[in-house]
Structure formats: structure tokens, C-alpha cells
Amino acid sequence: MFLILSVNTCSFAGGGVNQYNWISINMIVVLAFLTIAGLIYALSNLLPPRTMSKLKSISRYEIAQVVISLIIIIVIAGLASLSCNFTNSIAGMDTFEAAEAYIAKLLYVNGINLAAHIYSTSIEFMVVGEIAKYASYFLSGSIPLADTSALKVSISISPAINSVYTNYADLIVSYNIFVVVTFGMLFLMFLSLFIVKGIMLTVVLPVAIAMRSLAFFGPRLREAANSFLALAIAFYFIFPLTFVMDSYIVNWTYCTGSLSSCNPYYSSYPVSYTSSYIPPSSIFALNPQYSMFGLTFNVPLNFYSSAFVSGVSTKQALLPPSAVGTISQEVADFLFQGIFLMALDLGITAAFAKSLTNALNSGFGIRGESLWS
């Protein structure tokens, strides 16, 4: 098991639903504005009739917003419970843990294994090219293998074979720029999961509730509050769920896991890291174990590429076009998972946030008298 995670129960007390005690934080904000509404209503009785009428209208607006805020908190708590139970039933962990596990495997197993494959295969070609180069110096002439009156056979090594292997080595190394960029973007996405989990319901949601309660200070505060609310819901619920969807897409595409049906064309893919294939250990094999962000990783990493392991003959490994084609497929698979699917995830999250914002602005709210009217 490449990743060891503690499984949180989907209970309000256990942290699976009430992460970082966000319900209490938002309830404090709601109670604070309810107290403010009560003070405004009490003080309005000491002021002139016109001002008293305006302040009582504002206090009634505040109380209405408190009720709406309570409904919002209850709905979000229900969504958190539903989301946690859903991912726990299919992955054995809550939504964010499932998303973190998916990206962690993509980074610290697939990504590192692919980079090792690229460099080690290029080293193999460079070594073979150097051997051919120096062999051509010693065997600059033809070596007779058979010399009879009926048959003459000789062998010679051309210096041009060196350039063939070195050119292919350079080509394979050039693929690593795509791997590095994708790895960096995945790492930023991995960090963003912890940021989203930490601030969306503990910072962004309370700010949205506060802005809704203070909407009488300006005509755009309610719309801004709805935008903050939509962002909090979209990134806390939809964003991590898209990675659960990615996991299903990848398992279906490469026919891995315990799916009852999978891609009928998966057999056309070569055996590679995409199916969690790890080459057998060599004398240079490393299996470092380390912790990051509370997650413990056991990373399989081999110095040698999969070209020289069992199942692939050395003869095939030394054929540059074959090795380049295999690595090209592996890089394409990594880009598909690390670029295309991640862009799809962000697009789905942004589209959901925009649609929810438009829905909230269209009629969800109570308009009160402006402070400046």
C-alpha cells in the first residue's frame, strides 16, 4: 500500500463532517449579528420616529438574514454529511482524503516512476552509444568471419550508430519538460486541497454570512456575499468530488481496480505506470518512506527502467523506436491525468460556482431598506 491514511468517520463530532469545527465558527457569526439586530431594535426606540422606522426595518432585515444564515448552515452540514458518506461508501475515506490519495499516487508513484523511467532509459541509450563509438575505433576495419573460395563474410561497426542512440537519448530526455511542468501543477493542486479544506467553511463562509447581514450598507454587498457563498460550496464539495470522478475515469480507461465494466480498448495500452506497474527491484532500488501533511508515503523508485526487467528482452530494449514509443505513451497518459483531467475539474468547479451565484442572485434573499435611502 503506497499510502496509509486514517479513516475519519462521517459524524459531526468525529471531524469527517465538521472539519475544523466550522459549524461552531459560523454559529458564532450568526449569534453576533442576531445580537447586533437586537441592539439596533432596542436603540431605535430612543430616536426620532423617522430614524426609528428605518432602524427597525434594518433590524427586521438582520433577523431575516439570521434565519437565512441558519438555513444555509443546516443545508451545508447536510451536504457535508452526504458527500462524506458517499465517498466513504466507495473509497473507504472522506471526500478530501480520497482526493488527496488520488493526487498523491499520481505525484509520488506515477510521476516519480515516469521520471525515473525517462532518465534511466536515456542513460541506457547513451551507454550503448558510447560503447558503439569506442568499438568503432577498435574495429575500424572489417573483421572476417568466413573466408572460403565460395563465401566471404565480414563484419564492421559504423560510427554512425553512436549518433542514433545519442539522438534518441536526447529525445527521451526532452520529454521530461512536460513531466516537470505537470508534476508542478499537480503539486499545487495537492496543496490547494489542504487550503480549500482549511478555509472554505471556516473563513469564506463566515465572511459570506457577515456580508449578507451587512448588505444594507451597499447595493452590491448581497451579490458579493452570494459569490463568496457559491465559491465556498463549489470548492469544498464539488472540487474534491471531481478527483473521485477522475479516479473512476482512470480506472475505467486503463481497466484497473474492481470495476465491473471498463474500456474495451484498454488492451491496446502497453504495460506502464498507468496500471500501477512497478518494475521489479534491482540492486539500485529505493523504497523511501516519509511523511508530508500528515500522510505517510512508501514510494517505489527504481534506478533501472522497465526495459531490462522480466517480460521485456534486452534486444527489444535496445531498439530506440520501441522504447521512445513506450515512453511517449506513458508521458501522454501522465499529461492526460495531470493536465486534461485537472483542467476539467477546475472548469466543472468554476461553472458550478458561477451557476450557483446566478441562482442566488436571482431571488434567494430578502431585500431590506438601505441605510443611505
Protein backbone atom coordinates (compact mmCIF):
# COMPACT_ATOMS: atom_id res chain seq x y z
CA MET A 1 0.00 0.00 0.00
CA PHE A 2 1.61 3.21 -1.21
CA LEU A 3 -0.35 5.48 1.08
CA ILE A 4 -1.51 4.91 4.64
CA LEU A 5 -4.39 7.09 5.76
CA SER A 6 -6.50 7.20 8.89
CA VAL A 7 -10.19 6.85 8.08
CA ASN A 8 -12.42 9.52 9.60
CA THR A 9 -15.98 8.61 10.43
CA CYS A 10 -18.65 10.71 8.77
CA SER A 11 -20.03 12.12 12.03
CA PHE A 12 -20.45 15.71 13.12
CA ALA A 13 -18.25 15.12 16.17
CA GLY A 14 -15.59 12.98 14.52
CA GLY A 15 -14.28 15.58 12.08
CA GLY A 16 -15.49 13.97 8.87
CA VAL A 17 -18.39 16.44 8.53
CA ASN A 18 -17.50 19.20 10.99
CA GLN A 19 -13.91 19.72 9.80
CA TYR A 20 -12.05 22.31 11.91
CA ASN A 21 -15.30 22.88 13.87
CA TRP A 22 -16.68 25.12 11.09
CA ILE A 23 -20.27 24.83 12.36
CA SER A 24 -19.39 26.48 15.67
CA ILE A 25 -17.47 29.26 13.91
CA ASN A 26 -20.42 30.10 11.68
CA MET A 27 -22.89 29.88 14.56
CA ILE A 28 -20.81 32.45 16.47
CA VAL A 29 -21.07 34.80 13.46
CA VAL A 30 -24.84 34.25 13.26
CA LEU A 31 -25.31 34.88 17.00
CA ALA A 32 -23.16 38.01 16.80
CA PHE A 33 -25.36 39.54 14.10
CA LEU A 34 -28.51 38.44 15.93
CA THR A 35 -27.20 40.37 18.95
CA ILE A 36 -26.49 43.39 16.75
CA ALA A 37 -30.04 43.23 15.35
CA GLY A 38 -31.45 43.17 18.88
CA LEU A 39 -29.34 46.17 19.91
CA ILE A 40 -30.39 48.13 16.83
CA TYR A 41 -34.05 47.41 17.57
CA ALA A 42 -33.67 48.44 21.22
CA LEU A 43 -31.78 51.66 20.44
CA SER A 44 -34.26 52.66 17.72
CA ASN A 45 -36.88 53.36 20.40
CA LEU A 46 -34.73 56.22 21.70
CA LEU A 47 -34.50 58.02 18.34
CA PRO A 48 -36.89 60.23 16.30
CA PRO A 49 -39.77 58.47 14.51
CA ARG A 50 -38.26 58.53 11.00
CA THR A 51 -34.89 57.21 12.17
CA MET A 52 -36.65 54.71 14.43
CA SER A 53 -38.64 53.37 11.46
CA LYS A 54 -35.51 52.99 9.36
CA LEU A 55 -33.55 51.23 12.10
CA LYS A 56 -36.42 48.88 12.89
CA SER A 57 -36.58 47.97 9.19
CA ILE A 58 -32.86 47.26 9.28
CA SER A 59 -33.19 45.14 12.43
CA ARG A 60 -36.02 43.12 10.83
CA TYR A 61 -33.77 42.63 7.80
CA GLU A 62 -30.98 41.45 10.11
CA ILE A 63 -33.25 38.92 11.81
CA ALA A 64 -34.43 37.63 8.42
CA GLN A 65 -30.81 37.22 7.33
CA VAL A 66 -30.03 35.34 10.55
CA VAL A 67 -32.82 32.89 9.72
CA ILE A 68 -31.49 32.50 6.16
CA SER A 69 -27.97 32.01 7.52
CA LEU A 70 -29.19 29.24 9.83
CA ILE A 71 -30.86 27.54 6.85
CA ILE A 72 -27.60 27.86 4.88
CA ILE A 73 -25.59 26.26 7.70
CA ILE A 74 -28.09 23.39 8.02
CA VAL A 75 -28.06 22.77 4.25
CA ILE A 76 -24.25 22.83 4.08
CA ALA A 77 -23.99 20.47 7.06
CA GLY A 78 -26.35 18.10 5.25
CA LEU A 79 -24.26 18.36 2.08
CA ALA A 80 -21.11 17.62 4.08
CA SER A 81 -22.68 14.52 5.60
CA LEU A 82 -23.98 13.33 2.21
CA SER A 83 -20.65 13.93 0.48
CA CYS A 84 -18.65 12.22 3.22
CA ASN A 85 -20.92 9.17 3.32
CA PHE A 86 -20.88 8.90 -0.47
CA THR A 87 -17.09 8.83 -0.81
CA ASN A 88 -16.73 6.71 2.32
CA SER A 89 -19.01 4.06 0.78
CA ILE A 90 -16.97 3.83 -2.43
CA ALA A 91 -13.43 4.67 -1.24
CA GLY A 92 -13.40 3.94 2.50
CA MET A 93 -12.46 7.54 3.40
CA ASP A 94 -13.97 11.01 3.35
CA THR A 95 -14.03 13.23 0.27
CA PHE A 96 -10.81 15.16 0.86
CA GLU A 97 -8.87 12.06 1.90
CA ALA A 98 -9.96 10.32 -1.32
CA ALA A 99 -8.89 13.34 -3.39
CA GLU A 100 -5.55 13.61 -1.57
CA ALA A 101 -4.89 9.89 -2.05
CA TYR A 102 -5.59 10.12 -5.80
CA ILE A 103 -3.27 13.09 -6.40
CA ALA A 104 -0.61 11.70 -4.04
CA LYS A 105 -0.45 8.47 -6.06
CA LEU A 106 -0.30 10.44 -9.30
CA LEU A 107 2.56 12.56 -7.92
CA TYR A 108 4.68 10.32 -5.73
CA VAL A 109 4.23 7.00 -7.54
CA ASN A 110 3.32 7.60 -11.19
CA GLY A 111 5.20 10.88 -11.61
CA ILE A 112 8.43 9.80 -9.91
CA ASN A 113 8.35 6.41 -11.62
CA LEU A 114 7.90 8.05 -15.02
CA ALA A 115 10.78 10.48 -14.44
CA ALA A 116 13.00 7.55 -13.37
CA HIS A 117 11.98 5.64 -16.49
CA ILE A 118 12.83 8.60 -18.74
CA TYR A 119 16.27 9.24 -17.25
CA SER A 120 17.29 5.61 -16.88
CA THR A 121 16.28 4.75 -20.44
CA SER A 122 18.20 7.73 -21.80
CA ILE A 123 21.24 6.63 -19.79
CA GLU A 124 20.98 3.16 -21.29
CA PHE A 125 20.97 4.61 -24.81
CA MET A 126 23.90 6.90 -24.02
CA VAL A 127 25.90 3.95 -22.65
CA VAL A 128 25.12 1.84 -25.70
CA GLY A 129 26.02 4.76 -27.94
CA GLU A 130 29.37 5.25 -26.20
CA ILE A 131 30.11 1.53 -26.43
CA ALA A 132 29.37 1.65 -30.16
CA LYS A 133 31.53 4.76 -30.50
CA TYR A 134 34.61 3.25 -28.90
CA ALA A 135 34.05 -0.13 -30.51
CA SER A 136 34.11 1.54 -33.90
CA TYR A 137 37.60 2.90 -33.09
CA PHE A 138 38.96 -0.58 -32.39
CA LEU A 139 37.04 -2.21 -35.18
CA SER A 140 37.53 0.43 -37.81
CA GLY A 141 38.22 -2.25 -40.40
CA SER A 142 36.27 -5.30 -41.39
CA ILE A 143 36.55 -8.45 -39.30
CA PRO A 144 36.48 -11.59 -41.44
CA LEU A 145 34.03 -14.18 -40.16
CA ALA A 146 34.30 -16.66 -43.01
CA ASP A 147 36.72 -16.74 -45.91
CA THR A 148 36.47 -19.61 -48.34
CA SER A 149 36.64 -19.89 -52.03
CA ALA A 150 32.83 -19.93 -52.15
CA LEU A 151 31.90 -17.49 -49.38
CA LYS A 152 33.42 -14.41 -47.79
CA VAL A 153 31.68 -12.88 -44.74
CA SER A 154 32.94 -9.90 -42.70
CA ILE A 155 31.54 -7.53 -40.08
CA SER A 156 32.25 -3.87 -39.26
CA ILE A 157 30.76 -1.30 -36.88
CA SER A 158 29.80 2.06 -38.34
CA PRO A 159 30.49 5.15 -36.21
CA ALA A 160 27.03 6.44 -37.23
CA ILE A 161 25.33 4.00 -34.85
CA ASN A 162 26.60 6.15 -31.95
CA SER A 163 24.60 9.17 -33.15
CA VAL A 164 21.46 7.06 -33.47
CA TYR A 165 21.44 6.15 -29.77
CA THR A 166 22.56 9.57 -28.51
CA ASN A 167 19.88 11.33 -30.58
CA TYR A 168 17.21 9.06 -29.17
CA ALA A 169 18.60 9.63 -25.66
CA ASP A 170 18.27 13.41 -26.16
CA LEU A 171 14.74 12.96 -27.50
CA ILE A 172 13.66 10.94 -24.46
CA VAL A 173 15.14 13.46 -22.02
CA SER A 174 13.28 16.28 -23.79
CA TYR A 175 10.02 14.64 -22.72
CA ASN A 176 10.88 15.42 -19.13
CA ILE A 177 9.95 19.10 -19.54
CA PHE A 178 6.30 18.00 -19.87
CA VAL A 179 6.63 15.75 -16.85
CA VAL A 180 8.18 18.51 -14.71
CA VAL A 181 5.50 21.07 -15.62
CA THR A 182 2.71 18.56 -14.99
CA PHE A 183 4.30 17.49 -11.71
CA GLY A 184 4.46 21.11 -10.55
CA MET A 185 0.83 21.76 -11.43
CA LEU A 186 -0.26 18.58 -9.65
CA PHE A 187 1.71 19.58 -6.55
CA LEU A 188 -0.04 22.97 -6.50
CA MET A 189 -3.36 21.16 -6.83
CA PHE A 190 -2.34 18.86 -3.98
CA LEU A 191 -1.58 21.85 -1.75
CA SER A 192 -4.80 23.58 -2.77
CA LEU A 193 -6.83 20.70 -1.33
CA PHE A 194 -5.46 21.44 2.16
CA ILE A 195 -6.08 25.18 1.69
CA VAL A 196 -9.65 24.59 0.50
CA LYS A 197 -10.37 22.20 3.36
CA GLY A 198 -8.93 24.66 5.87
CA ILE A 199 -10.52 27.98 4.86
CA MET A 200 -13.67 27.50 2.76
CA LEU A 201 -16.08 26.78 5.61
CA THR A 202 -14.10 28.44 8.40
CA VAL A 203 -13.20 31.75 6.67
CA VAL A 204 -15.02 32.21 3.34
CA LEU A 205 -18.44 31.03 4.56
CA PRO A 206 -18.42 33.24 7.72
CA VAL A 207 -17.40 36.19 5.54
CA ALA A 208 -20.32 35.43 3.20
CA ILE A 209 -22.75 35.28 6.13
CA ALA A 210 -21.39 38.55 7.52
CA MET A 211 -21.65 40.28 4.14
CA ARG A 212 -25.26 39.11 3.73
CA SER A 213 -26.10 40.53 7.17
CA LEU A 214 -24.47 43.86 6.26
CA ALA A 215 -25.99 44.06 2.78
CA PHE A 216 -27.95 47.22 3.76
CA PHE A 217 -24.65 49.14 3.71
CA GLY A 218 -24.45 48.96 -0.09
CA PRO A 219 -26.31 47.66 -3.14
CA ARG A 220 -23.60 45.15 -4.15
CA LEU A 221 -22.81 43.51 -0.82
CA ARG A 222 -25.55 40.90 -1.18
CA GLU A 223 -24.30 39.90 -4.65
CA ALA A 224 -20.73 39.73 -3.33
CA ALA A 225 -21.93 37.62 -0.39
CA ASN A 226 -23.65 35.22 -2.80
CA SER A 227 -20.42 34.92 -4.78
CA PHE A 228 -18.46 34.06 -1.64
CA LEU A 229 -21.12 31.54 -0.62
CA ALA A 230 -21.06 29.91 -4.06
CA LEU A 231 -17.26 29.70 -4.01
CA ALA A 232 -17.28 28.08 -0.57
CA ILE A 233 -19.81 25.44 -1.60
CA ALA A 234 -18.26 24.77 -5.01
CA PHE A 235 -14.68 24.37 -3.80
CA TYR A 236 -15.49 22.50 -0.60
CA PHE A 237 -17.88 19.97 -2.15
CA ILE A 238 -17.57 19.89 -5.94
CA PHE A 239 -13.79 20.37 -6.21
CA PRO A 240 -12.73 17.27 -4.20
CA LEU A 241 -15.57 15.20 -5.70
CA THR A 242 -14.14 15.81 -9.18
CA PHE A 243 -11.00 13.92 -8.15
CA VAL A 244 -13.16 10.98 -7.11
CA MET A 245 -14.62 11.20 -10.61
CA ASP A 246 -11.07 11.31 -12.06
CA SER A 247 -10.19 8.15 -10.17
CA TYR A 248 -13.15 6.38 -11.73
CA ILE A 249 -12.27 7.69 -15.22
CA VAL A 250 -8.67 6.48 -14.90
CA ASN A 251 -9.70 3.08 -13.54
CA TRP A 252 -12.20 2.70 -16.38
CA THR A 253 -9.76 3.89 -19.05
CA TYR A 254 -6.94 1.55 -18.01
CA CYS A 255 -9.24 -1.18 -16.68
CA THR A 256 -7.80 -1.23 -13.15
CA GLY A 257 -9.46 -1.62 -9.78
CA SER A 258 -12.60 -3.61 -9.19
CA LEU A 259 -14.82 -2.15 -11.92
CA SER A 260 -17.42 -4.49 -13.38
CA SER A 261 -17.02 -2.86 -16.79
CA CYS A 262 -14.10 -0.97 -18.29
CA ASN A 263 -12.73 0.47 -21.50
CA PRO A 264 -12.95 -2.25 -24.20
CA TYR A 265 -9.82 -0.85 -25.88
CA TYR A 266 -7.61 -0.93 -22.78
CA SER A 267 -5.63 -3.90 -24.14
CA SER A 268 -4.05 -1.56 -26.72
CA TYR A 269 -2.17 0.26 -23.94
CA PRO A 270 1.30 -1.03 -23.06
CA VAL A 271 2.06 -2.17 -19.53
CA SER A 272 3.17 1.00 -17.82
CA TYR A 273 2.90 3.08 -14.68
CA THR A 274 -0.71 3.88 -15.53
CA SER A 275 -1.81 0.48 -14.26
CA SER A 276 0.30 0.89 -11.10
CA TYR A 277 3.01 -1.20 -12.76
CA ILE A 278 6.26 -1.07 -10.81
CA PRO A 279 9.36 -2.72 -12.31
CA PRO A 280 10.93 -5.49 -10.19
CA SER A 281 13.53 -4.26 -7.73
CA SER A 282 17.17 -4.04 -8.74
CA ILE A 283 20.29 -3.54 -6.62
CA PHE A 284 19.69 0.21 -7.01
CA ALA A 285 16.07 0.07 -5.88
CA LEU A 286 14.96 2.56 -3.25
CA ASN A 287 11.82 2.45 -1.16
CA PRO A 288 11.93 5.62 0.94
CA GLN A 289 9.18 6.23 3.45
CA TYR A 290 8.41 9.74 4.58
CA SER A 291 5.58 11.88 5.88
CA MET A 292 4.06 15.02 4.40
CA PHE A 293 0.95 16.90 5.55
CA GLY A 294 0.09 14.03 7.88
CA LEU A 295 0.25 11.44 5.08
CA THR A 296 2.78 8.60 5.13
CA PHE A 297 4.17 7.55 1.74
CA ASN A 298 6.09 4.47 0.68
CA VAL A 299 7.45 5.41 -2.73
CA PRO A 300 8.66 2.70 -5.12
CA LEU A 301 11.56 4.01 -7.21
CA ASN A 302 13.88 2.04 -9.45
CA PHE A 303 17.11 3.23 -10.99
CA TYR A 304 16.78 0.96 -14.00
CA SER A 305 13.95 1.48 -16.46
CA SER A 306 11.40 -1.23 -17.15
CA ALA A 307 13.24 -2.02 -20.39
CA PHE A 308 15.56 -4.55 -18.71
CA VAL A 309 13.10 -6.22 -16.35
CA SER A 310 11.46 -9.59 -16.80
CA GLY A 311 8.95 -9.71 -19.62
CA VAL A 312 10.94 -7.36 -21.85
CA SER A 313 14.02 -8.69 -23.57
CA THR A 314 17.25 -6.75 -23.82
CA LYS A 315 17.03 -6.98 -27.58
CA GLN A 316 13.73 -5.11 -27.55
CA ALA A 317 15.05 -2.61 -25.01
CA LEU A 318 17.92 -1.59 -27.26
CA LEU A 319 15.58 -0.74 -30.13
CA PRO A 320 15.24 3.06 -29.83
CA PRO A 321 11.92 3.47 -31.69
CA SER A 322 10.25 0.87 -29.45
CA ALA A 323 11.45 2.48 -26.21
CA VAL A 324 10.58 6.00 -27.41
CA GLY A 325 7.09 4.85 -28.33
CA THR A 326 6.55 3.31 -24.89
CA ILE A 327 7.76 6.40 -23.05
CA SER A 328 5.70 8.65 -25.34
CA GLN A 329 2.60 6.68 -24.35
CA GLU A 330 3.48 6.97 -20.67
CA VAL A 331 4.04 10.74 -20.96
CA ALA A 332 0.75 11.13 -22.85
CA ASP A 333 -1.06 9.20 -20.10
CA PHE A 334 0.52 11.39 -17.41
CA LEU A 335 -0.46 14.57 -19.27
CA PHE A 336 -3.99 13.24 -19.68
CA GLN A 337 -4.34 12.70 -15.94
CA GLY A 338 -2.31 15.71 -14.79
CA ILE A 339 -3.39 18.39 -17.31
CA PHE A 340 -6.60 17.45 -19.10
CA LEU A 341 -8.47 15.97 -16.14
CA MET A 342 -7.27 18.70 -13.76
CA ALA A 343 -8.41 21.41 -16.19
CA LEU A 344 -11.76 19.61 -16.44
CA ASP A 345 -12.01 19.59 -12.63
CA LEU A 346 -11.37 23.32 -12.37
CA GLY A 347 -13.83 24.01 -15.21
CA ILE A 348 -16.59 22.00 -13.52
CA THR A 349 -15.95 23.75 -10.19
CA ALA A 350 -15.92 27.24 -11.74
CA ALA A 351 -19.07 26.53 -13.77
CA PHE A 352 -20.89 25.27 -10.67
CA ALA A 353 -19.83 28.35 -8.68
CA LYS A 354 -20.99 30.70 -11.44
CA SER A 355 -24.33 28.92 -11.84
CA LEU A 356 -24.94 28.90 -8.09
CA THR A 357 -24.07 32.61 -7.87
CA ASN A 358 -26.57 33.43 -10.61
CA ALA A 359 -29.22 31.32 -8.87
CA LEU A 360 -28.65 33.04 -5.53
CA ASN A 361 -28.71 36.50 -7.10
CA SER A 362 -31.93 35.75 -8.95
CA GLY A 363 -34.12 35.56 -5.88
CA PHE A 364 -32.59 33.94 -2.80
CA GLY A 365 -32.63 36.69 -0.22
CA ILE A 366 -34.74 39.36 1.43
CA ARG A 367 -34.36 42.96 0.40
CA GLY A 368 -34.40 45.46 3.23
CA GLU A 369 -34.30 49.23 3.41
CA SER A 370 -30.92 50.75 2.55
CA LEU A 371 -29.07 52.61 5.28
CA TRP A 372 -28.49 55.52 2.88
CA SER A 373 -32.05 55.81 1.50
